[in-house]
Amino acid sequence: MQASEVAENLGRLQGTLTSIEKVLDLPALRNEATALEEQAAAPDLWDDPASAQQVTSRLSFVQGELKRVTDLRSRVDDAAVLLEMGESEGDAGVLTEVEQELALLRDAIGELEVRTLLSGEYDAREALVTIRSEAGGVDAADWAQMLMRMYLRWAERHGYPTEVYDISYAEEAGIKSATFAVKAPYAYGTLSVEQGTHRLVRISPFDNQSRRQTSFAGVEVLPVTEQTDHIDIPENEVRVDVFRSSGPGGQSVNTTDSAVRLTHIPTGIVVSCQNEKSQLQNRAAAMRVLQSRLLERRRQEERAQMDALKGDSSGSWGNQMRSYVLHPYQMVKDLRTEQETGNTAAVLDGDLDAFIESGIRWRKQTDRD
């Protein structure tokens, strides 16, 4: 590549990074970091563990964002200096080094640019993910468990804490459903593009004739509720049932009635939690899930009212959103964005960033249209 082309690519990256810095509002982020540091240093911070966790989590995120942007700016500036040296000395080796660095910067800045597209009302929230087996019998239950592992591995790759609230195991293999939280800022905005039906095509390991099987699992992503959401749930509208926690095959994992099932009588929404040690903890976790479901229900009702006013008759984009083919060829393909890869093993092991980023860009473009 000629020096002029390298300089042109560098200029584009500098412009993109400058736009990102404006959108993120670095002075405001620095002020927020200072304020959070003062709160984190307060001697009575941990008198309220929930509030303390919120403060420290937000501080860690803000500091990480600032470091991420400043490190990228430093690398871009260093690349500009190196390019100038290479041009003045006519050193082709230096130009090659700059070109390689620009390729790495392009990926890193592109990933950061996607974050700036998460501007929805709840995008900055933590995420509550529910996976359910759908059509396909035992293969669908197994597929639901594979999806759960995929998302937990994705979170692990990014260092995002997760908490499993409930798993309902299927009789033969896999799971009927599972609910877990991804406790990181912008987890909801990031994972919300994963909502919909995921289709798996493979040779069934449960078929003694080794026939090809198509199975389906649904992914639901909700924002975790906060105190400002005002989701009021009167006690007389919730039925509470307790039962013993159980593992695969009905094996007892708890000798007391610590698992909790909540039924919201007006809507019929049912949630359960069995993974905490005490009934009180399970009830609190189940209530958080119920609040998130009711918040989403309210959002859907408001959206339906707006769509009715606008005459919007389009269907949900979430259904049938991605196919995972393991036989007769290897391919994962997003049916909305056309993003695809033949490395199915990597995707199922949590390598989802390319699909998630293309989904976020697609959604933003769809909203504009």
Protein backbone atom coordinates (compact mmCIF):
# COMPACT_ATOMS: atom_id res chain seq x y z
CA MET A 1 0.00 0.00 0.00
CA GLN A 2 1.27 3.48 -0.90
CA ALA A 3 2.02 6.02 1.83
CA SER A 4 -0.81 8.22 0.54
CA GLU A 5 -3.31 5.38 0.96
CA VAL A 6 -2.06 4.66 4.48
CA ALA A 7 -2.41 8.35 5.33
CA GLU A 8 -5.94 8.40 3.91
CA ASN A 9 -6.95 5.38 6.00
CA LEU A 10 -5.42 6.96 9.08
CA GLY A 11 -7.35 10.16 8.43
CA ARG A 12 -10.63 8.26 8.26
CA LEU A 13 -9.91 6.50 11.55
CA GLN A 14 -9.02 9.80 13.19
CA GLY A 15 -12.32 11.27 12.02
CA THR A 16 -14.32 8.27 13.27
CA LEU A 17 -12.60 8.35 16.66
CA THR A 18 -13.23 12.10 16.99
CA SER A 19 -16.94 11.52 16.31
CA ILE A 20 -17.03 8.75 18.91
CA GLU A 21 -15.37 11.01 21.48
CA LYS A 22 -18.04 13.66 20.89
CA VAL A 23 -20.89 11.17 21.22
CA LEU A 24 -19.46 9.68 24.41
CA ASP A 25 -18.89 13.19 25.83
CA LEU A 26 -15.53 12.54 27.50
CA PRO A 27 -15.66 15.63 29.80
CA ALA A 28 -18.99 14.40 31.19
CA LEU A 29 -17.58 10.89 31.64
CA ARG A 30 -14.58 12.29 33.53
CA ASN A 31 -16.86 14.32 35.80
CA GLU A 32 -19.00 11.24 36.43
CA ALA A 33 -15.90 9.19 37.26
CA THR A 34 -14.78 11.81 39.78
CA ALA A 35 -18.21 11.87 41.44
CA LEU A 36 -18.37 8.07 41.58
CA GLU A 37 -14.86 7.88 43.06
CA GLU A 38 -16.00 10.18 45.86
CA GLN A 39 -19.04 7.98 46.51
CA ALA A 40 -16.91 4.83 46.43
CA ALA A 41 -14.55 6.34 49.00
CA ALA A 42 -17.36 7.07 51.48
CA PRO A 43 -16.86 5.08 54.72
CA ASP A 44 -20.55 4.09 54.88
CA LEU A 45 -20.70 2.90 51.26
CA TRP A 46 -21.31 -0.77 52.10
CA ASP A 47 -24.05 -0.02 54.62
CA ASP A 48 -26.30 -0.46 51.59
CA PRO A 49 -24.75 -3.37 49.62
CA ALA A 50 -27.10 -3.03 46.64
CA SER A 51 -26.32 0.67 46.23
CA ALA A 52 -22.60 0.04 46.78
CA GLN A 53 -22.59 -2.62 44.07
CA GLN A 54 -24.29 -0.22 41.69
CA VAL A 55 -21.75 2.54 42.41
CA THR A 56 -18.68 0.32 42.09
CA SER A 57 -20.01 -1.37 38.96
CA ARG A 58 -20.76 1.94 37.27
CA LEU A 59 -17.37 3.36 38.33
CA SER A 60 -15.56 0.37 36.87
CA PHE A 61 -17.48 0.74 33.62
CA VAL A 62 -16.87 4.51 33.29
CA GLN A 63 -13.17 4.14 34.07
CA GLY A 64 -12.95 1.33 31.54
CA GLU A 65 -14.64 3.43 28.84
CA LEU A 66 -12.33 6.37 29.48
CA LYS A 67 -9.23 4.15 29.36
CA ARG A 68 -10.47 2.47 26.21
CA VAL A 69 -10.95 5.77 24.36
CA THR A 70 -7.76 7.42 25.61
CA ASP A 71 -5.72 4.32 24.73
CA LEU A 72 -7.17 4.33 21.20
CA ARG A 73 -6.46 8.04 20.83
CA SER A 74 -2.88 7.48 21.95
CA ARG A 75 -2.44 4.63 19.46
CA VAL A 76 -3.87 6.70 16.60
CA ASP A 77 -1.57 9.62 17.46
CA ASP A 78 1.44 7.28 17.67
CA ALA A 79 0.54 5.81 14.28
CA ALA A 80 0.43 9.34 12.80
CA VAL A 81 3.93 10.10 14.17
CA LEU A 82 5.25 6.77 12.89
CA LEU A 83 3.72 7.39 9.46
CA GLU A 84 5.37 10.80 9.25
CA MET A 85 8.74 9.23 10.13
CA GLY A 86 8.29 6.50 7.53
CA GLU A 87 7.38 9.00 4.82
CA SER A 88 10.27 11.33 5.60
CA GLU A 89 12.81 8.51 5.66
CA GLY A 90 11.25 6.50 2.83
CA ASP A 91 11.22 3.45 5.08
CA ALA A 92 8.88 0.82 3.61
CA GLY A 93 9.20 -1.30 6.77
CA VAL A 94 7.78 1.50 8.91
CA LEU A 95 4.88 1.96 6.49
CA THR A 96 4.09 -1.76 6.72
CA GLU A 97 4.14 -1.51 10.52
CA VAL A 98 1.71 1.44 10.41
CA GLU A 99 -0.54 -0.44 7.99
CA GLN A 100 -0.70 -3.42 10.36
CA GLU A 101 -1.49 -1.17 13.32
CA LEU A 102 -4.27 0.55 11.36
CA ALA A 103 -5.91 -2.82 10.70
CA LEU A 104 -6.00 -3.49 14.45
CA LEU A 105 -7.23 0.04 15.15
CA ARG A 106 -9.99 -0.28 12.57
CA ASP A 107 -11.43 -3.29 14.40
CA ALA A 108 -11.11 -1.69 17.85
CA ILE A 109 -12.62 1.64 16.77
CA GLY A 110 -15.41 -0.15 14.88
CA GLU A 111 -16.31 -2.07 18.03
CA LEU A 112 -16.37 1.16 20.05
CA GLU A 113 -18.47 2.85 17.37
CA VAL A 114 -21.13 0.17 17.80
CA ARG A 115 -21.40 1.12 21.49
CA THR A 116 -22.37 4.66 20.50
CA LEU A 117 -25.37 3.22 18.62
CA LEU A 118 -26.85 1.94 21.90
CA SER A 119 -28.94 4.97 22.75
CA GLY A 120 -32.31 3.37 23.57
CA GLU A 121 -34.11 4.12 26.81
CA TYR A 122 -32.98 0.91 28.51
CA ASP A 123 -29.86 0.07 26.49
CA ALA A 124 -27.49 0.91 29.34
CA ARG A 125 -29.14 -1.64 31.65
CA GLU A 126 -28.03 -5.09 32.67
CA ALA A 127 -29.75 -7.91 30.79
CA LEU A 128 -32.13 -10.65 31.84
CA VAL A 129 -31.96 -13.53 29.34
CA THR A 130 -34.49 -16.36 29.09
CA ILE A 131 -34.00 -19.31 26.73
CA ARG A 132 -36.83 -21.74 25.97
CA SER A 133 -36.90 -24.92 23.91
CA GLU A 134 -39.48 -24.81 21.14
CA ALA A 135 -40.32 -27.23 18.32
CA GLY A 136 -38.07 -30.27 17.99
CA GLY A 137 -38.60 -32.43 21.07
CA VAL A 138 -35.49 -33.63 22.88
CA ASP A 139 -33.24 -32.03 20.25
CA ALA A 140 -34.84 -28.65 20.97
CA ALA A 141 -34.23 -29.08 24.70
CA ASP A 142 -30.60 -29.97 24.00
CA TRP A 143 -30.36 -26.98 21.63
CA ALA A 144 -31.71 -24.64 24.33
CA GLN A 145 -28.97 -25.82 26.68
CA MET A 146 -26.35 -25.29 23.94
CA LEU A 147 -27.60 -21.71 23.48
CA MET A 148 -27.43 -21.06 27.20
CA ARG A 149 -23.82 -22.22 27.26
CA MET A 150 -23.06 -20.05 24.19
CA TYR A 151 -24.29 -16.86 25.87
CA LEU A 152 -22.64 -17.67 29.21
CA ARG A 153 -19.35 -18.27 27.37
CA TRP A 154 -19.82 -14.96 25.51
CA ALA A 155 -20.23 -13.17 28.84
CA GLU A 156 -17.21 -14.99 30.26
CA ARG A 157 -15.07 -13.91 27.29
CA HIS A 158 -15.89 -10.28 28.10
CA GLY A 159 -15.49 -10.64 31.85
CA TYR A 160 -19.18 -9.97 32.48
CA PRO A 161 -20.57 -11.49 35.70
CA THR A 162 -23.63 -13.71 35.27
CA GLU A 163 -26.18 -15.12 37.69
CA VAL A 164 -28.44 -18.07 36.84
CA TYR A 165 -31.86 -17.65 38.43
CA ASP A 166 -33.71 -20.72 37.23
CA ILE A 167 -33.22 -23.82 35.08
CA SER A 168 -36.05 -26.20 34.20
CA TYR A 169 -34.46 -29.44 33.01
CA ALA A 170 -36.05 -31.62 30.36
CA GLU A 171 -36.67 -35.29 31.12
CA GLU A 172 -34.30 -36.93 28.63
CA ALA A 173 -31.67 -34.24 27.96
CA GLY A 174 -31.23 -30.49 27.82
CA ILE A 175 -33.50 -27.87 29.33
CA LYS A 176 -37.06 -26.68 28.91
CA SER A 177 -36.08 -23.15 29.92
CA ALA A 178 -33.49 -21.13 31.79
CA THR A 179 -33.25 -17.55 33.03
CA PHE A 180 -30.00 -15.76 33.87
CA ALA A 181 -28.75 -12.20 34.30
CA VAL A 182 -25.74 -10.63 32.57
CA LYS A 183 -24.54 -8.03 35.04
CA ALA A 184 -22.70 -5.48 32.94
CA PRO A 185 -23.58 -1.97 31.73
CA TYR A 186 -25.13 -2.00 28.24
CA ALA A 187 -25.68 -5.76 28.41
CA TYR A 188 -29.34 -5.25 27.50
CA GLY A 189 -28.65 -2.96 24.56
CA THR A 190 -25.97 -5.34 23.33
CA LEU A 191 -27.86 -8.61 23.71
CA SER A 192 -31.30 -7.32 22.75
CA VAL A 193 -30.49 -7.98 19.08
CA GLU A 194 -30.20 -11.68 19.96
CA GLN A 195 -33.89 -11.91 20.78
CA GLY A 196 -35.89 -14.22 18.57
CA THR A 197 -35.97 -17.81 17.33
CA HIS A 198 -32.70 -19.66 16.74
CA ARG A 199 -32.80 -22.69 14.41
CA LEU A 200 -30.40 -25.64 14.56
CA VAL A 201 -29.92 -28.20 11.78
CA ARG A 202 -27.77 -31.25 12.58
CA ILE A 203 -27.61 -35.03 12.71
CA SER A 204 -29.57 -35.79 15.86
CA PRO A 205 -27.48 -37.48 18.57
CA PHE A 206 -30.79 -38.80 19.96
CA ASP A 207 -31.91 -40.55 16.76
CA ASN A 208 -30.69 -44.15 16.47
CA GLN A 209 -30.97 -43.87 12.68
CA SER A 210 -28.76 -40.74 12.61
CA ARG A 211 -31.26 -38.66 10.71
CA ARG A 212 -31.02 -34.93 10.22
CA GLN A 213 -33.13 -32.94 12.66
CA THR A 214 -34.24 -29.30 12.71
CA SER A 215 -34.96 -27.86 16.14
CA PHE A 216 -35.82 -24.44 17.52
CA ALA A 217 -35.20 -22.43 20.68
CA GLY A 218 -36.38 -18.96 21.62
CA VAL A 219 -34.28 -16.23 23.22
CA GLU A 220 -35.90 -13.42 25.21
CA VAL A 221 -33.84 -10.46 26.43
CA LEU A 222 -35.22 -7.97 28.97
CA PRO A 223 -33.70 -4.97 30.74
CA VAL A 224 -33.18 -5.42 34.48
CA THR A 225 -35.48 -3.10 36.40
CA GLU A 226 -34.23 -0.28 38.57
CA GLN A 227 -35.84 1.66 41.42
CA THR A 228 -36.78 4.47 39.03
CA ASP A 229 -39.00 2.17 36.94
CA HIS A 230 -41.97 2.36 39.34
CA ILE A 231 -43.24 -1.15 38.70
CA ASP A 232 -45.81 -1.41 41.48
CA ILE A 233 -46.91 -5.00 42.21
CA PRO A 234 -49.54 -5.22 44.98
CA GLU A 235 -49.09 -8.29 47.17
CA ASN A 236 -52.66 -9.46 46.53
CA GLU A 237 -51.86 -9.70 42.79
CA VAL A 238 -49.06 -12.25 43.27
CA ARG A 239 -49.49 -15.89 44.22
CA VAL A 240 -46.40 -17.39 45.86
CA ASP A 241 -45.71 -21.13 45.68
CA VAL A 242 -42.69 -22.83 47.23
CA PHE A 243 -41.22 -26.18 46.23
CA ARG A 244 -38.04 -28.18 46.42
CA SER A 245 -35.26 -27.36 43.97
CA SER A 246 -34.34 -30.15 41.59
CA GLY A 247 -31.59 -30.91 39.13
CA PRO A 248 -31.40 -33.01 35.95
CA GLY A 249 -33.64 -36.05 36.05
CA GLY A 250 -35.45 -34.83 39.14
CA GLN A 251 -32.44 -35.42 41.37
CA SER A 252 -32.94 -33.51 44.62
CA VAL A 253 -30.43 -30.72 45.19
CA ASN A 254 -32.19 -29.25 48.18
CA THR A 255 -33.96 -30.93 51.08
CA THR A 256 -36.05 -27.86 51.97
CA ASP A 257 -38.78 -25.99 50.12
CA SER A 258 -36.49 -23.12 49.08
CA ALA A 259 -37.47 -22.73 45.40
CA VAL A 260 -40.08 -20.06 44.71
CA ARG A 261 -42.65 -19.65 41.94
CA LEU A 262 -44.47 -16.33 41.51
CA THR A 263 -47.68 -16.01 39.50
CA HIS A 264 -48.84 -12.51 38.58
CA ILE A 265 -52.60 -13.03 38.67
CA PRO A 266 -53.73 -10.12 36.41
CA THR A 267 -51.40 -11.06 33.53
CA GLY A 268 -50.80 -14.77 34.14
CA ILE A 269 -47.00 -14.25 34.02
CA VAL A 270 -45.20 -17.02 35.92
CA VAL A 271 -41.56 -16.87 37.03
CA SER A 272 -39.53 -19.11 39.29
CA CYS A 273 -36.13 -19.13 40.95
CA GLN A 274 -34.41 -22.10 42.57
CA ASN A 275 -30.69 -21.41 42.39
CA GLU A 276 -30.26 -19.35 45.56
CA LYS A 277 -29.65 -20.97 48.95
CA SER A 278 -32.68 -19.61 50.79
CA GLN A 279 -36.36 -19.12 50.07
CA LEU A 280 -35.99 -15.40 50.82
CA GLN A 281 -33.18 -15.01 48.26
CA ASN A 282 -35.11 -16.97 45.65
CA ARG A 283 -38.22 -14.87 46.23
CA ALA A 284 -36.22 -11.63 45.80
CA ALA A 285 -34.61 -12.90 42.59
CA ALA A 286 -37.97 -14.10 41.22
CA MET A 287 -39.50 -10.70 41.99
CA ARG A 288 -36.73 -8.98 39.99
CA VAL A 289 -37.50 -11.22 37.03
CA LEU A 290 -41.25 -10.54 37.36
CA GLN A 291 -40.64 -6.79 37.47
CA SER A 292 -38.56 -7.00 34.29
CA ARG A 293 -41.30 -8.99 32.54
CA LEU A 294 -43.94 -6.45 33.59
CA LEU A 295 -41.72 -3.59 32.46
CA GLU A 296 -41.33 -5.23 29.05
CA ARG A 297 -45.09 -5.82 28.88
CA ARG A 298 -45.68 -2.13 29.54
CA ARG A 299 -43.14 -1.19 26.87
CA GLN A 300 -44.83 -3.49 24.34
CA GLU A 301 -48.25 -1.99 25.11
CA GLU A 302 -46.87 1.53 24.65
CA ARG A 303 -45.15 0.49 21.40
CA ALA A 304 -48.38 -1.11 20.13
CA GLN A 305 -50.26 2.11 20.81
CA MET A 306 -47.66 4.12 18.90
CA ASP A 307 -47.66 1.63 16.01
CA ALA A 308 -51.45 1.86 15.85
CA LEU A 309 -51.23 5.64 15.63
CA LYS A 310 -48.60 5.37 12.89
CA GLY A 311 -50.44 2.57 11.07
CA ASP A 312 -47.41 0.31 11.47
CA SER A 313 -48.38 -3.22 10.52
CA SER A 314 -44.90 -4.72 10.24
CA GLY A 315 -44.24 -7.96 12.04
CA SER A 316 -41.60 -8.62 14.67
CA TRP A 317 -38.08 -8.81 13.26
CA GLY A 318 -36.99 -11.13 16.04
CA ASN A 319 -38.59 -14.38 14.79
CA GLN A 320 -36.40 -16.81 12.82
CA MET A 321 -33.41 -14.54 13.24
CA ARG A 322 -30.51 -16.99 12.88
CA SER A 323 -29.75 -20.47 11.54
CA TYR A 324 -26.99 -22.76 12.79
CA VAL A 325 -26.31 -25.55 10.31
CA LEU A 326 -23.99 -28.38 11.41
CA HIS A 327 -24.97 -30.83 8.65
CA PRO A 328 -24.61 -31.29 5.68
CA TYR A 329 -22.28 -28.26 5.85
CA GLN A 330 -21.05 -25.90 8.58
CA MET A 331 -22.64 -22.46 8.61
CA VAL A 332 -24.08 -19.90 11.03
CA LYS A 333 -26.08 -17.22 9.23
CA ASP A 334 -28.09 -14.28 10.51
CA LEU A 335 -31.23 -13.98 8.42
CA ARG A 336 -31.57 -10.22 9.04
CA THR A 337 -28.05 -8.95 8.46
CA GLU A 338 -26.66 -11.70 6.16
CA GLN A 339 -23.69 -11.99 8.56
CA GLU A 340 -22.34 -15.53 8.32
CA THR A 341 -19.41 -17.76 9.20
CA GLY A 342 -18.36 -21.35 8.63
CA ASN A 343 -16.70 -21.56 12.06
CA THR A 344 -19.71 -22.94 13.90
CA ALA A 345 -17.62 -24.30 16.80
CA ALA A 346 -16.30 -20.83 17.64
CA VAL A 347 -19.79 -19.29 17.59
CA LEU A 348 -21.22 -22.00 19.84
CA ASP A 349 -18.28 -21.37 22.17
CA GLY A 350 -19.32 -17.73 22.58
CA ASP A 351 -17.62 -15.96 19.67
CA LEU A 352 -20.68 -13.82 18.92
CA ASP A 353 -19.31 -10.28 18.62
CA ALA A 354 -19.45 -10.07 14.81
CA PHE A 355 -23.10 -11.17 14.82
CA ILE A 356 -24.05 -8.85 17.67
CA GLU A 357 -22.30 -5.83 16.13
CA SER A 358 -23.88 -6.38 12.73
CA GLY A 359 -27.26 -6.78 14.45
CA ILE A 360 -26.89 -3.48 16.28
CA ARG A 361 -25.93 -1.67 13.06
CA TRP A 362 -28.83 -3.34 11.22
CA ARG A 363 -31.30 -2.32 13.90
CA LYS A 364 -30.09 1.27 13.86
CA GLN A 365 -30.42 1.42 10.06
CA THR A 366 -33.89 -0.16 10.25
CA ASP A 367 -34.99 2.44 12.82
CA ARG A 368 -33.82 5.22 10.49
CA ASP A 369 -35.73 3.74 7.56
